[in-house]
Amino acid sequence: MRNDKAIFITGAAAGIGRATALTFARKGYTVGAYDIDEAGLGTLAEEIGRLGATVHTGHLDVTDTDEMATRVSEFATQAGNRLDVMVNNAGILKAGRFEDIDVRAHFAEIDVNTKGVVNGLHAAFPHLRATPDSVVVNLASASAIYGQPELANYSATKFFVRGLTEALDLEWGRYGIRVVAIWPLYVQTPMLTGVDTGTTRSLGVRLTAQDVADVIVSAVEPSRLRRTVRQVHYPVGAQTKAFALGSRFSPAWLTRALNKRLAGS
């Protein structure tokens, strides 16, 4: 099945980005898959080619403002001067006690997870504005519900993504652009290799990259009800849905106590 829609995905070589690229390729989208892992992009392009879909790949360091602007513009032109979906997926995770992680690693996490999203949004905006009913998908996290021990800096970057998403959905609504955030808990991807925290032990790693990709599809192509209420946040999995719902109604002390217990802090 082919259509004329185009999707640009950062961090597309592996994990959630790769699953998302393949899922939208199956739906007939023209896929822009970008990453610093060019070997991974090569195998992804082969897979998408076998599906009969169109894919454009290229190197992209999301912290490089100029490279981001160039890649997004190139892709929009290749896709017929349109950009229906921008997925800011690229991210890194450093786990451990805050003081034990080198400060340069903290800054690298901030650069990719926050500045990378800002770069993507800024580069994509003119192309999204020129495309009717366009959507931005930002990868947030269940760690943006309440600050997470052993993931303090990562959690903070996802609070940034949450706030930016909410604000821009209000700002960009005048242009017909929806801005949404996807909220997974722990996902079975290379990002979690070697990660062992209190919450990974107490909650487990239950989600797959495909679980997240499926929710991204539901956010990009929402039901009439979700579109009517202008849903912004999309939790992934029963655990995240329960935590997100609970945080709305439980007192702050109880939310803190629950997070402290789950983290074993």
Protein backbone atom coordinates (compact mmCIF):
# COMPACT_ATOMS: atom_id res chain seq x y z
CA MET A 1 0.00 0.00 0.00
CA ARG A 2 1.42 3.36 -1.03
CA ASN A 3 0.38 6.86 -0.08
CA ASP A 4 1.91 10.29 -0.51
CA LYS A 5 2.75 10.84 3.17
CA ALA A 6 6.27 11.27 4.50
CA ILE A 7 7.81 10.60 7.91
CA PHE A 8 11.24 11.68 9.20
CA ILE A 9 12.70 9.64 12.08
CA THR A 10 15.81 10.41 14.13
CA GLY A 11 17.71 7.57 15.79
CA ALA A 12 16.22 5.20 13.22
CA ALA A 13 18.97 2.58 12.94
CA ALA A 14 17.89 0.48 15.91
CA GLY A 15 15.31 0.00 18.64
CA ILE A 16 12.17 2.14 18.66
CA GLY A 17 13.29 4.21 15.67
CA ARG A 18 13.86 1.16 13.52
CA ALA A 19 10.54 -0.45 14.49
CA THR A 20 8.77 2.83 13.73
CA ALA A 21 10.43 3.13 10.33
CA LEU A 22 9.40 -0.39 9.35
CA THR A 23 5.86 0.06 10.67
CA PHE A 24 5.24 3.22 8.66
CA ALA A 25 6.92 1.70 5.61
CA ARG A 26 4.34 -1.09 5.75
CA LYS A 27 1.66 1.60 5.73
CA GLY A 28 3.07 3.06 2.52
CA TYR A 29 4.78 6.15 3.90
CA THR A 30 7.94 7.55 2.37
CA VAL A 31 10.40 7.04 5.22
CA GLY A 32 13.32 9.25 6.14
CA ALA A 33 15.59 7.26 8.47
CA TYR A 34 18.56 9.09 9.98
CA ASP A 35 21.17 8.17 12.57
CA ILE A 36 24.88 8.24 13.35
CA ASP A 37 24.86 4.45 12.85
CA GLU A 38 25.15 4.29 9.08
CA ALA A 39 25.68 0.51 9.02
CA GLY A 40 22.39 0.03 10.86
CA LEU A 41 20.70 2.36 8.40
CA GLY A 42 22.02 0.24 5.55
CA THR A 43 20.33 -2.93 6.80
CA LEU A 44 17.17 -0.97 7.57
CA ALA A 45 17.05 0.38 4.02
CA GLU A 46 17.33 -3.18 2.71
CA GLU A 47 14.40 -4.29 4.88
CA ILE A 48 12.25 -1.37 3.80
CA GLY A 49 13.17 -1.98 0.18
CA ARG A 50 11.90 -5.53 0.46
CA LEU A 51 8.58 -4.10 1.64
CA GLY A 52 8.32 -2.10 -1.57
CA ALA A 53 8.37 1.24 0.25
CA THR A 54 10.51 4.30 -0.45
CA VAL A 55 13.25 5.15 2.05
CA HIS A 56 15.88 7.86 2.28
CA THR A 57 18.70 7.46 4.78
CA GLY A 58 21.61 9.56 5.92
CA HIS A 59 24.02 10.36 8.71
CA LEU A 60 22.57 12.65 11.36
CA ASP A 61 24.03 13.90 14.61
CA VAL A 62 20.94 15.45 16.20
CA THR A 63 23.08 17.82 18.27
CA ASP A 64 24.39 19.45 15.07
CA THR A 65 21.94 22.24 14.22
CA ASP A 66 23.18 22.71 10.66
CA GLU A 67 23.20 19.02 9.82
CA MET A 68 19.67 18.61 11.18
CA ALA A 69 18.39 21.51 9.07
CA THR A 70 20.10 20.11 5.97
CA ARG A 71 18.80 16.56 6.40
CA VAL A 72 15.20 17.60 7.10
CA SER A 73 15.16 19.98 4.14
CA GLU A 74 16.70 17.37 1.83
CA PHE A 75 14.14 14.79 2.85
CA ALA A 76 11.14 17.09 2.54
CA THR A 77 12.26 17.94 -1.01
CA GLN A 78 12.78 14.27 -1.89
CA ALA A 79 9.34 13.44 -0.49
CA GLY A 80 7.56 15.91 -2.76
CA ASN A 81 7.90 19.06 -0.66
CA ARG A 82 6.02 17.70 2.33
CA LEU A 83 6.62 16.47 5.87
CA ASP A 84 3.62 14.77 7.46
CA VAL A 85 5.32 13.36 10.54
CA MET A 86 8.47 14.35 12.43
CA VAL A 87 9.59 11.77 15.01
CA ASN A 88 12.17 13.02 17.50
CA ASN A 89 13.28 9.63 18.72
CA ALA A 90 17.07 9.81 19.11
CA GLY A 91 18.14 9.56 22.72
CA ILE A 92 20.72 8.16 25.10
CA LEU A 93 20.41 6.86 28.65
CA LYS A 94 23.01 6.87 31.41
CA ALA A 95 22.00 4.88 34.47
CA GLY A 96 23.50 4.98 37.93
CA ARG A 97 23.82 7.26 40.89
CA PHE A 98 24.06 10.87 39.77
CA GLU A 99 27.40 11.54 41.45
CA ASP A 100 28.98 8.40 39.99
CA ILE A 101 28.33 9.41 36.37
CA ASP A 102 30.95 11.64 34.77
CA VAL A 103 29.62 15.16 34.30
CA ARG A 104 30.55 15.03 30.60
CA ALA A 105 28.25 12.02 30.22
CA HIS A 106 25.46 14.02 31.85
CA PHE A 107 26.02 16.85 29.40
CA ALA A 108 26.05 14.45 26.43
CA GLU A 109 22.70 13.06 27.58
CA ILE A 110 21.30 16.58 27.85
CA ASP A 111 22.63 17.48 24.40
CA VAL A 112 21.05 14.52 22.61
CA ASN A 113 17.80 14.27 24.57
CA THR A 114 16.94 17.97 24.75
CA LYS A 115 18.99 19.97 22.25
CA GLY A 116 18.46 17.24 19.67
CA VAL A 117 14.70 17.59 20.03
CA VAL A 118 14.90 21.39 19.79
CA ASN A 119 17.00 21.07 16.63
CA GLY A 120 14.51 18.65 15.12
CA LEU A 121 11.52 20.83 15.92
CA HIS A 122 13.12 23.99 14.62
CA ALA A 123 14.27 22.36 11.37
CA ALA A 124 10.95 20.63 10.74
CA PHE A 125 8.62 23.54 11.46
CA PRO A 126 8.48 25.22 8.02
CA HIS A 127 7.91 21.86 6.33
CA LEU A 128 5.27 20.80 8.84
CA ARG A 129 3.48 24.14 8.44
CA ALA A 130 3.41 23.62 4.68
CA THR A 131 1.87 20.15 5.04
CA PRO A 132 -1.81 19.88 6.06
CA ASP A 133 -2.62 17.92 9.23
CA SER A 134 1.03 17.33 10.15
CA VAL A 135 2.22 15.80 13.40
CA VAL A 136 5.29 15.94 15.62
CA VAL A 137 5.99 12.88 17.75
CA ASN A 138 8.42 13.39 20.64
CA LEU A 139 9.69 10.40 22.59
CA ALA A 140 9.18 11.16 26.25
CA SER A 141 9.23 8.53 28.99
CA ALA A 142 7.39 7.27 32.05
CA SER A 143 10.33 8.80 33.94
CA ALA A 144 8.72 12.19 33.22
CA ILE A 145 5.86 11.32 35.59
CA TYR A 146 8.13 11.65 38.63
CA GLY A 147 11.90 12.07 38.86
CA GLN A 148 13.60 8.67 38.88
CA PRO A 149 16.51 7.68 41.14
CA GLU A 150 19.46 6.26 39.20
CA LEU A 151 18.05 7.96 36.09
CA ALA A 152 17.99 11.50 37.47
CA ASN A 153 19.49 13.33 34.51
CA TYR A 154 17.70 11.19 31.91
CA SER A 155 14.43 11.74 33.76
CA ALA A 156 15.01 15.49 33.79
CA THR A 157 15.57 15.54 30.03
CA LYS A 158 12.22 13.82 29.55
CA PHE A 159 10.49 16.41 31.75
CA PHE A 160 11.94 18.94 29.29
CA VAL A 161 10.44 17.01 26.37
CA ARG A 162 7.11 16.86 28.17
CA GLY A 163 6.96 20.61 28.76
CA LEU A 164 8.13 21.47 25.26
CA THR A 165 5.54 19.15 23.74
CA GLU A 166 2.68 20.65 25.72
CA ALA A 167 3.70 24.22 24.92
CA LEU A 168 4.22 23.68 21.21
CA ASP A 169 0.97 21.77 20.80
CA LEU A 170 -0.71 24.97 22.00
CA GLU A 171 1.49 27.29 19.92
CA TRP A 172 1.46 25.33 16.69
CA GLY A 173 -2.23 24.44 16.73
CA ARG A 174 -2.84 27.65 14.76
CA TYR A 175 -0.84 26.12 11.90
CA GLY A 176 -2.69 22.81 11.98
CA ILE A 177 0.28 21.00 13.55
CA ARG A 178 -0.32 18.52 16.38
CA VAL A 179 2.54 17.89 18.81
CA VAL A 180 2.36 14.71 20.89
CA ALA A 181 4.54 12.79 23.32
CA ILE A 182 4.94 9.03 23.63
CA TRP A 183 5.47 7.67 27.14
CA PRO A 184 7.01 4.18 27.38
CA LEU A 185 8.45 2.60 30.50
CA TYR A 186 11.43 0.28 29.99
CA VAL A 187 11.72 -1.11 26.46
CA GLN A 188 13.73 -4.10 25.23
CA THR A 189 16.21 -2.19 23.08
CA PRO A 190 20.01 -1.80 22.94
CA MET A 191 19.62 1.36 25.04
CA LEU A 192 18.96 -0.83 28.10
CA THR A 193 21.96 -3.08 27.61
CA GLY A 194 23.77 -3.30 30.94
CA VAL A 195 21.21 -1.13 32.75
CA ASP A 196 20.41 -2.43 36.23
CA THR A 197 18.45 -0.10 38.49
CA GLY A 198 15.98 -0.50 41.31
CA THR A 199 13.05 0.10 38.99
CA THR A 200 14.24 -2.25 36.24
CA ARG A 201 14.40 -4.95 38.90
CA SER A 202 11.04 -4.14 40.52
CA LEU A 203 9.08 -3.41 37.34
CA GLY A 204 10.89 -5.51 34.77
CA VAL A 205 11.36 -4.74 31.08
CA ARG A 206 8.03 -5.66 29.53
CA LEU A 207 7.73 -3.52 26.40
CA THR A 208 9.12 -4.15 22.94
CA ALA A 209 10.10 -1.57 20.34
CA GLN A 210 7.08 -2.68 18.32
CA ASP A 211 4.77 -1.88 21.25
CA VAL A 212 6.02 1.70 21.12
CA ALA A 213 5.83 1.90 17.31
CA ASP A 214 2.21 0.78 17.44
CA VAL A 215 1.35 3.59 19.86
CA ILE A 216 3.14 6.07 17.62
CA VAL A 217 0.83 4.98 14.79
CA SER A 218 -2.20 5.50 17.04
CA ALA A 219 -0.95 9.00 17.89
CA VAL A 220 -0.28 9.93 14.26
CA GLU A 221 -3.61 8.48 13.11
CA PRO A 222 -5.82 9.05 16.17
CA SER A 223 -9.40 7.99 16.71
CA ARG A 224 -12.10 10.62 16.40
CA LEU A 225 -12.34 10.87 20.20
CA ARG A 226 -8.61 11.35 20.67
CA ARG A 227 -8.57 13.98 17.95
CA THR A 228 -11.60 15.75 19.45
CA VAL A 229 -10.08 15.96 22.94
CA ARG A 230 -6.70 16.84 21.43
CA GLN A 231 -4.82 14.08 23.26
CA VAL A 232 -1.19 15.07 23.74
CA HIS A 233 0.32 12.32 25.89
CA TYR A 234 0.25 8.66 24.85
CA PRO A 235 1.36 6.20 27.54
CA VAL A 236 2.66 2.83 26.35
CA GLY A 237 1.73 -0.31 28.27
CA ALA A 238 -0.43 -1.05 31.29
CA GLN A 239 2.22 -0.04 33.81
CA THR A 240 2.73 3.43 32.37
CA LYS A 241 -1.01 3.97 32.02
CA ALA A 242 -1.50 3.05 35.68
CA PHE A 243 1.33 5.31 36.88
CA ALA A 244 0.16 8.23 34.74
CA LEU A 245 -3.41 7.90 35.96
CA GLY A 246 -2.35 7.46 39.57
CA SER A 247 -0.14 10.54 39.48
CA ARG A 248 -3.13 12.70 38.56
CA PHE A 249 -5.09 11.79 41.67
CA SER A 250 -2.67 10.66 44.37
CA PRO A 251 -1.22 13.24 46.79
CA ALA A 252 2.40 14.23 46.20
CA TRP A 253 3.66 12.43 49.29
CA LEU A 254 2.11 9.16 48.12
CA THR A 255 3.56 9.47 44.62
CA ARG A 256 6.97 10.14 46.13
CA ALA A 257 6.67 7.19 48.52
CA LEU A 258 5.67 4.83 45.71
CA ASN A 259 8.59 5.91 43.53
CA LYS A 260 10.98 5.59 46.46
CA ARG A 261 9.78 2.04 47.15
CA LEU A 262 9.91 0.92 43.50
CA ALA A 263 13.43 2.31 43.18
CA GLY A 264 14.59 0.74 46.43
CA SER A 265 15.99 4.11 47.51
